[in-house]
């Protein structure tokens, strides 16, 4: 008679399962770590890109003003980077056109900021190694930039005020013209009234003459 194999005890079965779980975890762990590191790195990249776009937008808002300069744009961009704790990173600011003063109305102004992602990464870069991140903003200029005072430029802030003044002047002229026309009409009505009075007096005289003649 053959001896049947001994049934495994609960303790032996538990130890066997623990060993299998450890092997499975060791196989999955590298992929889990890579996934977590990639998520952190990509999330940081998206966050930095959003900050750079906001800083570029702030610089562009300043660049579109008629009296602004490149130094003003650099200053506001630096303030935005300081607020996001990115001032220590090496970044470059590009303004197109380089000198935003004296721009024509609605002329496009571009402000772009770019930096190396390795300078702002929270972990040693793996997925985005050697990549750069940046933000760009484009807005129309608001100044007129017209050197000839007799030439009228498209409407900016200044030109809107000038247009309003021109409209007020036109309204004043219209009012004056209308008042003169009313005066002429009033004088004409006065002359007509005097003429009617004279005619009425003449009719009264004729009536009196006729009545005297009838009495005779």
Protein backbone atom coordinates (compact mmCIF):
# COMPACT_ATOMS: atom_id res chain seq x y z
CA UNK A 1 0.00 0.00 0.00
CA UNK A 2 1.43 3.40 -1.09
CA UNK A 3 1.73 6.16 1.46
CA UNK A 4 -0.42 9.24 0.55
CA UNK A 5 1.37 12.64 0.64
CA UNK A 6 0.88 14.59 3.82
CA UNK A 7 -1.56 17.45 3.59
CA UNK A 8 0.07 20.94 4.00
CA UNK A 9 -0.66 22.59 7.24
CA UNK A 10 -2.10 26.11 7.53
CA UNK A 11 1.27 27.57 8.55
CA UNK A 12 3.05 26.10 5.54
CA UNK A 13 0.26 27.31 3.22
CA UNK A 14 0.50 30.85 4.67
CA UNK A 15 4.28 30.97 4.20
CA UNK A 16 3.90 29.83 0.60
CA UNK A 17 1.37 32.58 -0.16
CA UNK A 18 3.57 35.25 1.45
CA UNK A 19 6.47 34.21 -0.75
CA UNK A 20 4.30 34.38 -3.90
CA UNK A 21 3.00 37.85 -2.96
CA UNK A 22 6.57 39.11 -2.41
CA UNK A 23 7.63 37.85 -5.84
CA UNK A 24 4.57 39.44 -7.50
CA UNK A 25 5.18 42.77 -5.74
CA UNK A 26 8.86 42.72 -6.79
CA UNK A 27 7.77 42.27 -10.41
CA UNK A 28 5.17 45.09 -10.30
CA UNK A 29 7.17 47.60 -8.19
CA UNK A 30 9.45 48.97 -10.99
CA UNK A 31 6.47 49.74 -13.21
CA UNK A 32 4.59 51.36 -10.32
CA UNK A 33 7.58 53.57 -9.45
CA UNK A 34 8.02 54.62 -13.08
CA UNK A 35 4.32 55.46 -13.33
CA UNK A 36 4.40 57.59 -10.17
CA UNK A 37 7.59 59.41 -11.19
CA UNK A 38 6.19 60.06 -14.66
CA UNK A 39 2.94 61.42 -13.21
CA UNK A 40 4.83 63.78 -10.90
CA UNK A 41 7.15 64.97 -13.66
CA UNK A 42 4.42 65.55 -16.23
CA UNK A 43 2.21 67.28 -13.64
CA UNK A 44 5.09 69.59 -12.70
CA UNK A 45 5.71 70.37 -16.35
CA UNK A 46 2.06 71.30 -16.92
CA UNK A 47 2.06 73.48 -13.80
CA UNK A 48 5.22 75.35 -14.84
CA UNK A 49 3.86 75.85 -18.37
CA UNK A 50 0.68 77.38 -16.92
CA UNK A 51 2.77 79.74 -14.74
CA UNK A 52 4.89 80.81 -17.73
CA UNK A 53 1.77 81.48 -19.82
CA UNK A 54 0.33 83.65 -17.04
CA UNK A 55 3.64 85.56 -16.74
CA UNK A 56 3.74 86.03 -20.53
CA UNK A 57 0.15 87.31 -20.46
CA UNK A 58 1.04 89.80 -17.71
CA UNK A 59 4.03 91.02 -19.73
CA UNK A 60 1.93 91.31 -22.87
CA UNK A 61 -0.68 93.44 -21.07
CA UNK A 62 2.11 95.92 -20.27
CA UNK A 63 3.74 95.74 -23.71
CA UNK A 64 0.58 96.78 -25.57
CA UNK A 65 0.44 100.17 -23.83
CA UNK A 66 1.68 103.10 -25.89
CA UNK A 67 4.15 104.37 -23.26
CA UNK A 68 5.55 100.98 -22.17
CA UNK A 69 9.11 99.76 -22.70
CA UNK A 70 10.99 96.46 -22.73
CA UNK A 71 12.20 97.15 -19.19
CA UNK A 72 8.61 97.45 -17.98
CA UNK A 73 7.79 94.08 -19.54
CA UNK A 74 10.83 92.44 -17.95
CA UNK A 75 9.87 93.91 -14.57
CA UNK A 76 6.29 92.60 -14.58
CA UNK A 77 7.43 89.18 -15.80
CA UNK A 78 9.99 89.05 -12.98
CA UNK A 79 7.27 89.90 -10.46
CA UNK A 80 5.07 87.08 -11.77
CA UNK A 81 7.97 84.61 -11.61
CA UNK A 82 8.77 85.67 -8.05
CA UNK A 83 5.17 85.05 -7.03
CA UNK A 84 5.43 81.49 -8.43
CA UNK A 85 8.85 80.86 -6.77
CA UNK A 86 10.51 80.46 -10.16
CA UNK A 87 12.74 83.54 -10.03
CA UNK A 88 15.87 81.48 -9.31
CA UNK A 89 15.47 79.47 -12.53
CA UNK A 90 17.17 80.52 -15.75
CA UNK A 91 14.50 81.78 -18.12
CA UNK A 92 14.53 83.96 -21.22
CA UNK A 93 11.93 86.59 -22.14
CA UNK A 94 11.46 87.44 -25.83
CA UNK A 95 9.46 90.49 -26.93
CA UNK A 96 8.36 90.97 -30.53
CA UNK A 97 8.79 93.77 -31.54
CA UNK A 98 11.77 94.25 -29.18
CA UNK A 99 10.84 97.88 -28.45
CA UNK A 100 7.06 98.10 -27.93
CA UNK A 101 7.00 101.92 -27.87
CA UNK A 102 5.26 103.81 -30.68
CA UNK A 103 3.27 100.88 -32.03
CA UNK A 104 0.39 101.24 -34.45
CA UNK A 105 -3.03 100.41 -33.07
CA UNK A 106 -3.88 96.69 -33.31
CA UNK A 107 -0.29 95.80 -34.23
CA UNK A 108 0.37 92.33 -32.72
CA UNK A 109 2.73 92.18 -29.75
CA UNK A 110 4.18 88.82 -28.68
CA UNK A 111 5.78 87.99 -25.34
CA UNK A 112 7.27 84.50 -24.89
CA UNK A 113 9.07 82.94 -21.91
CA UNK A 114 11.15 79.77 -22.14
CA UNK A 115 13.21 77.79 -19.63
CA UNK A 116 14.91 74.41 -19.25
CA UNK A 117 12.64 71.94 -17.44
CA UNK A 118 15.60 70.45 -15.57
CA UNK A 119 15.90 73.72 -13.61
CA UNK A 120 12.41 73.38 -12.13
CA UNK A 121 11.90 69.62 -11.95
CA UNK A 122 11.04 68.13 -8.54
CA UNK A 123 12.74 64.81 -9.28
CA UNK A 124 15.74 63.82 -11.41
CA UNK A 125 14.39 64.21 -14.92
CA UNK A 126 13.81 60.97 -16.78
CA UNK A 127 10.88 61.37 -19.17
CA UNK A 128 11.40 65.09 -19.92
CA UNK A 129 15.20 65.09 -19.80
CA UNK A 130 16.64 67.86 -21.98
CA UNK A 131 13.21 69.32 -22.70
CA UNK A 132 12.24 72.97 -22.36
CA UNK A 133 8.93 74.47 -21.28
CA UNK A 134 7.54 77.86 -22.22
CA UNK A 135 4.56 80.18 -22.44
CA UNK A 136 3.48 82.57 -25.21
CA UNK A 137 0.93 85.39 -25.36
CA UNK A 138 -0.10 87.59 -28.31
CA UNK A 139 -2.19 90.77 -27.95
CA UNK A 140 -3.01 93.78 -30.18
CA UNK A 141 -1.33 97.09 -29.35
CA UNK A 142 -3.52 99.86 -27.93
CA UNK A 143 -1.38 102.92 -28.79
CA UNK A 144 -1.73 104.93 -32.01
CA UNK A 145 1.97 105.45 -32.79
CA UNK A 146 1.17 108.22 -35.30
CA UNK A 147 3.85 110.88 -35.80
CA UNK A 148 1.76 113.09 -38.10
CA UNK A 149 -0.86 114.92 -35.97
CA UNK A 150 -3.08 115.47 -39.01
CA UNK A 151 -3.26 111.74 -39.71
CA UNK A 152 -5.91 109.79 -37.91
CA UNK A 153 -5.06 106.27 -36.72
CA UNK A 154 -7.41 103.38 -35.94
CA UNK A 155 -9.16 103.70 -32.64
CA UNK A 156 -7.16 102.96 -29.51
CA UNK A 157 -7.85 104.37 -26.05
CA UNK A 158 -6.66 107.81 -27.09
CA UNK A 159 -8.47 107.74 -30.38
CA UNK A 160 -11.73 106.74 -28.75
CA UNK A 161 -11.54 109.91 -26.69
CA UNK A 162 -10.73 111.95 -29.82
CA UNK A 163 -13.63 110.34 -31.65
CA UNK A 164 -15.91 111.27 -28.77
CA UNK A 165 -14.65 114.87 -28.85
CA UNK A 166 -15.18 115.01 -32.61
CA UNK A 167 -18.69 113.70 -32.15
CA UNK A 168 -19.39 116.33 -29.48
CA UNK A 169 -18.05 119.06 -31.79
CA UNK A 170 -20.24 117.79 -34.58
CA UNK A 171 -23.25 117.78 -32.28
CA UNK A 172 -22.46 121.36 -31.24
CA UNK A 173 -22.24 122.42 -34.87
CA UNK A 174 -25.51 120.69 -35.61
CA UNK A 175 -27.14 122.41 -32.65
CA UNK A 176 -25.80 125.80 -33.80
CA UNK A 177 -26.99 125.17 -37.34
CA UNK A 178 -30.36 124.07 -36.06
CA UNK A 179 -30.67 127.14 -33.82
CA UNK A 180 -29.76 129.45 -36.73
CA UNK A 181 -32.34 127.73 -38.88
CA UNK A 182 -34.93 128.14 -36.14
CA UNK A 183 -34.02 131.82 -35.82
CA UNK A 184 -34.48 132.33 -39.54
CA UNK A 185 -37.77 130.50 -39.40
CA UNK A 186 -38.86 132.65 -36.44
CA UNK A 187 -37.96 135.88 -38.27
CA UNK A 188 -39.84 134.65 -41.30
CA UNK A 189 -42.86 133.90 -39.10
CA UNK A 190 -42.58 137.39 -37.57
CA UNK A 191 -42.55 139.00 -41.02
CA UNK A 192 -45.54 136.92 -42.00
CA UNK A 193 -47.34 137.98 -38.82
CA UNK A 194 -46.63 141.67 -39.49
CA UNK A 195 -47.86 141.25 -43.03
CA UNK A 196 -51.05 139.63 -41.72
CA UNK A 197 -51.49 142.51 -39.25
CA UNK A 198 -51.17 145.05 -42.05
CA UNK A 199 -53.65 143.11 -44.15
CA UNK A 200 -56.03 142.97 -41.17
CA UNK A 201 -55.78 146.71 -40.64
CA UNK A 202 -56.41 147.33 -44.31
CA UNK A 203 -59.48 145.08 -44.18
CA UNK A 204 -60.73 146.98 -41.12
CA UNK A 205 -60.38 150.29 -42.99
CA UNK A 206 -62.25 148.88 -45.99
CA UNK A 207 -65.02 147.63 -43.72
CA UNK A 208 -65.32 151.05 -42.05
CA UNK A 209 -65.42 152.76 -45.43
CA UNK A 210 -68.16 150.43 -46.64
CA UNK A 211 -70.20 150.98 -43.46
CA UNK A 212 -69.97 154.79 -43.80
CA UNK A 213 -71.01 154.57 -47.44
CA UNK A 214 -73.99 152.39 -46.50
CA UNK A 215 -75.18 154.89 -43.92
CA UNK A 216 -75.13 157.66 -46.50
